[in-house]
Protein backbone atom coordinates (compact mmCIF):
# COMPACT_ATOMS: atom_id res chain seq x y z
CA MET A 1 -3.99 -24.91 -10.89
CA THR A 2 -2.25 -26.83 -8.09
CA ASP A 3 0.04 -25.41 -5.47
CA ASP A 4 2.88 -27.49 -6.92
CA VAL A 5 2.43 -25.86 -10.32
CA LEU A 6 2.42 -22.40 -8.73
CA LYS A 7 5.55 -23.25 -6.75
CA GLN A 8 7.33 -24.32 -9.94
CA LEU A 9 6.81 -20.79 -11.25
CA ILE A 10 8.53 -19.15 -8.27
CA ARG A 11 12.30 -18.81 -8.53
CA ALA A 12 14.60 -19.06 -5.53
CA VAL A 13 17.35 -16.43 -5.79
CA PRO A 14 20.12 -16.92 -3.22
CA ASP A 15 21.89 -14.00 -1.54
CA PHE A 16 19.42 -11.32 -2.60
CA PRO A 17 19.11 -8.57 -1.50
CA GLU A 18 21.88 -9.53 0.94
CA PRO A 19 24.09 -12.55 1.56
CA GLY A 20 22.19 -15.25 3.42
CA ILE A 21 18.74 -14.18 2.17
CA LEU A 22 16.86 -16.54 -0.19
CA PHE A 23 14.59 -14.31 -2.28
CA ARG A 24 11.39 -15.81 -3.71
CA ASP A 25 10.94 -14.23 -7.16
CA ILE A 26 7.28 -14.30 -8.26
CA THR A 27 7.97 -12.73 -11.68
CA PRO A 28 7.53 -16.00 -13.64
CA LEU A 29 4.17 -16.57 -11.91
CA LEU A 30 3.08 -13.04 -12.80
CA LEU A 31 3.94 -13.73 -16.45
CA ASP A 32 1.62 -16.75 -16.61
CA PRO A 33 -2.00 -15.54 -16.92
CA GLY A 34 -3.51 -18.81 -15.68
CA ALA A 35 -1.17 -19.04 -12.72
CA LEU A 36 -1.77 -15.39 -11.81
CA GLN A 37 -5.53 -15.91 -11.97
CA SER A 38 -5.26 -19.03 -9.77
CA ALA A 39 -3.09 -17.19 -7.26
CA ILE A 40 -5.53 -14.25 -7.04
CA GLU A 41 -8.50 -16.58 -6.61
CA ALA A 42 -6.63 -18.45 -3.86
CA LEU A 43 -5.81 -15.18 -2.08
CA ALA A 44 -9.31 -13.71 -2.31
CA GLY A 45 -11.42 -16.85 -1.94
CA PRO A 46 -11.24 -17.33 1.84
CA PHE A 47 -12.45 -13.74 2.36
CA ALA A 48 -15.28 -13.67 -0.20
CA GLU A 49 -17.96 -13.84 2.51
CA ASP A 50 -16.22 -11.55 5.04
CA ARG A 51 -17.81 -8.29 3.86
CA VAL A 52 -14.40 -6.81 3.04
CA GLY A 53 -14.70 -3.08 2.34
CA ALA A 54 -11.15 -2.45 1.09
CA VAL A 55 -7.86 -4.15 0.38
CA ALA A 56 -4.65 -2.58 1.69
CA ALA A 57 -1.32 -3.68 0.28
CA MET A 58 2.26 -2.61 0.64
CA GLU A 59 4.77 -1.45 -1.89
CA ALA A 60 5.81 -2.98 -4.26
CA ARG A 61 4.81 -6.56 -5.12
CA GLY A 62 1.89 -6.28 -2.72
CA PHE A 63 0.46 -3.57 -5.01
CA ILE A 64 0.26 -6.05 -7.88
CA LEU A 65 -1.49 -8.78 -5.93
CA GLY A 66 -3.52 -6.48 -3.69
CA SER A 67 -5.05 -4.48 -6.51
CA LEU A 68 -6.08 -7.68 -8.29
CA VAL A 69 -7.56 -9.10 -5.08
CA ALA A 70 -9.47 -5.83 -4.58
CA ARG A 71 -10.85 -6.09 -8.10
CA THR A 72 -11.85 -9.72 -7.50
CA LEU A 73 -13.62 -8.79 -4.26
CA GLN A 74 -15.09 -5.68 -5.96
CA VAL A 75 -13.75 -3.28 -3.34
CA GLY A 76 -11.36 -0.34 -3.25
CA PHE A 77 -7.58 -0.51 -2.94
CA VAL A 78 -5.44 1.37 -0.40
CA PRO A 79 -1.71 1.69 -1.16
CA LEU A 80 0.69 1.49 1.78
CA ARG A 81 3.73 3.43 0.62
CA LYS A 82 7.35 3.97 1.50
CA PRO A 83 7.99 7.29 3.29
CA GLY A 84 7.73 10.48 1.28
CA LYS A 85 5.60 9.07 -1.55
CA LEU A 86 2.19 10.34 -0.41
CA PRO A 87 1.31 14.04 -0.83
CA ARG A 88 -0.98 14.63 2.16
CA ALA A 89 -1.14 13.87 5.90
CA VAL A 90 -0.19 10.27 6.70
CA HIS A 91 -0.20 7.65 9.40
CA ARG A 92 3.26 6.09 9.70
CA ALA A 93 4.36 2.71 11.07
CA GLU A 94 7.96 1.63 11.54
CA TYR A 95 9.08 -2.00 11.56
CA GLU A 96 12.08 -4.30 11.38
CA LEU A 97 12.97 -6.49 8.42
CA GLU A 98 15.18 -9.55 8.49
CA TYR A 99 17.96 -7.27 7.24
CA GLY A 100 17.17 -3.75 8.48
CA ASP A 101 14.54 -1.20 9.49
CA ALA A 102 11.83 0.34 7.35
CA SER A 103 8.51 2.19 7.54
CA LEU A 104 5.23 2.49 5.67
CA GLU A 105 2.75 5.32 5.32
CA MET A 106 -0.94 5.60 4.48
CA HIS A 107 -3.05 8.72 3.95
CA THR A 108 -4.93 9.55 7.14
CA ASP A 109 -8.18 9.75 5.15
CA ALA A 110 -7.63 6.53 3.13
CA LEU A 111 -10.05 4.47 5.22
CA ALA A 112 -13.27 5.36 6.96
CA PRO A 113 -13.57 4.17 10.57
CA ALA A 114 -14.96 0.63 10.89
CA THR A 115 -14.06 -0.29 7.29
CA ARG A 116 -13.35 -4.02 7.05
CA VAL A 117 -9.90 -4.35 5.47
CA LEU A 118 -8.00 -7.28 4.00
CA VAL A 119 -4.20 -6.80 4.10
CA VAL A 120 -2.43 -8.46 1.15
CA ASP A 121 1.23 -9.01 0.30
CA ASP A 122 3.29 -11.39 -1.78
CA LEU A 123 5.22 -12.88 1.14
CA ILE A 124 5.24 -13.14 4.91
CA ALA A 125 8.53 -13.90 6.66
CA THR A 126 8.93 -12.48 10.17
CA GLY A 127 5.65 -10.57 9.93
CA GLY A 128 7.15 -7.12 10.52
CA THR A 129 5.84 -5.52 7.33
CA ALA A 130 2.39 -7.07 7.71
CA ARG A 131 2.17 -6.10 11.39
CA ALA A 132 3.06 -2.49 10.49
CA SER A 133 0.42 -2.58 7.74
CA CYS A 134 -2.19 -3.74 10.22
CA ARG A 135 -1.20 -0.93 12.60
CA LEU A 136 -1.72 1.61 9.79
CA VAL A 137 -5.18 0.24 9.03
CA GLU A 138 -6.10 0.24 12.72
CA ALA A 139 -4.71 3.77 13.21
CA ALA A 140 -7.43 4.93 10.82
CA GLY A 141 -10.07 3.25 12.97
CA ALA A 142 -10.61 0.50 10.40
CA ARG A 143 -10.67 -3.22 11.21
CA VAL A 144 -8.34 -5.86 9.78
CA VAL A 145 -10.51 -8.85 8.84
CA GLY A 146 -7.49 -10.86 7.73
CA CYS A 147 -4.09 -10.97 6.11
CA ALA A 148 -3.48 -12.89 2.87
CA PHE A 149 -0.11 -13.83 1.42
CA LEU A 150 0.92 -15.68 -1.71
CA ILE A 151 3.97 -17.12 0.10
CA GLU A 152 4.62 -17.90 3.77
CA LEU A 153 8.10 -18.71 5.06
CA THR A 154 6.87 -20.84 7.96
CA THR A 155 10.10 -21.10 9.96
CA LEU A 156 10.36 -17.31 10.44
CA GLY A 157 7.28 -16.96 12.65
CA GLY A 158 5.34 -14.29 10.79
CA ARG A 159 1.97 -15.92 11.39
CA ALA A 160 2.47 -15.77 15.17
CA ALA A 161 3.53 -12.10 14.91
CA LEU A 162 0.09 -11.27 13.47
CA SER A 163 -1.91 -13.07 16.14
CA PRO A 164 -4.83 -12.86 16.85
CA ARG A 165 -5.58 -11.75 13.27
CA SER A 166 -6.68 -14.28 10.65
CA VAL A 167 -3.77 -15.27 8.38
CA HIS A 168 -4.11 -17.07 5.06
CA SER A 169 -1.21 -18.12 2.84
CA VAL A 170 -1.46 -19.88 -0.51
CA LEU A 171 2.04 -21.43 -0.63
CA ARG A 172 4.27 -22.41 2.28
CA TYR A 173 8.03 -22.87 2.38
CA GLU A 174 10.15 -23.94 5.33
């Protein structure tokens, strides 16, 4: 399936969650089994030979894509959660969004040291969420082998914020 076909399945929703934000809604893509399969293959493919040991993905849409990428790569999945959702000791990373502050948590025992981890999310904008996710993985002594996103908003500089890590995006919007 071509990138153009995938893009046709992503809705642009203006002024959500705040005025001035253009939200990229992937729900129609998720509803199309062929498109979803193509998107997962495009996310996982570049990392198939990288000896990935786990996929880490952030709440909430990242869980959908990340768990499917983990299954495709035949590795485990590590959820990166909003504060207060995990029942044991956690690593915590705070970050800034385009419209506020937030944080993510991961169980301190979620990853063994030196595990090769692919970070996955639906979208990269400024890179704050992804950078915080990488910090969580690295706090456990694991290694980020790359970051994969379904959508990249190129004008917001997220790719540069993740440097020197490998960044892969399937679809790009300006």
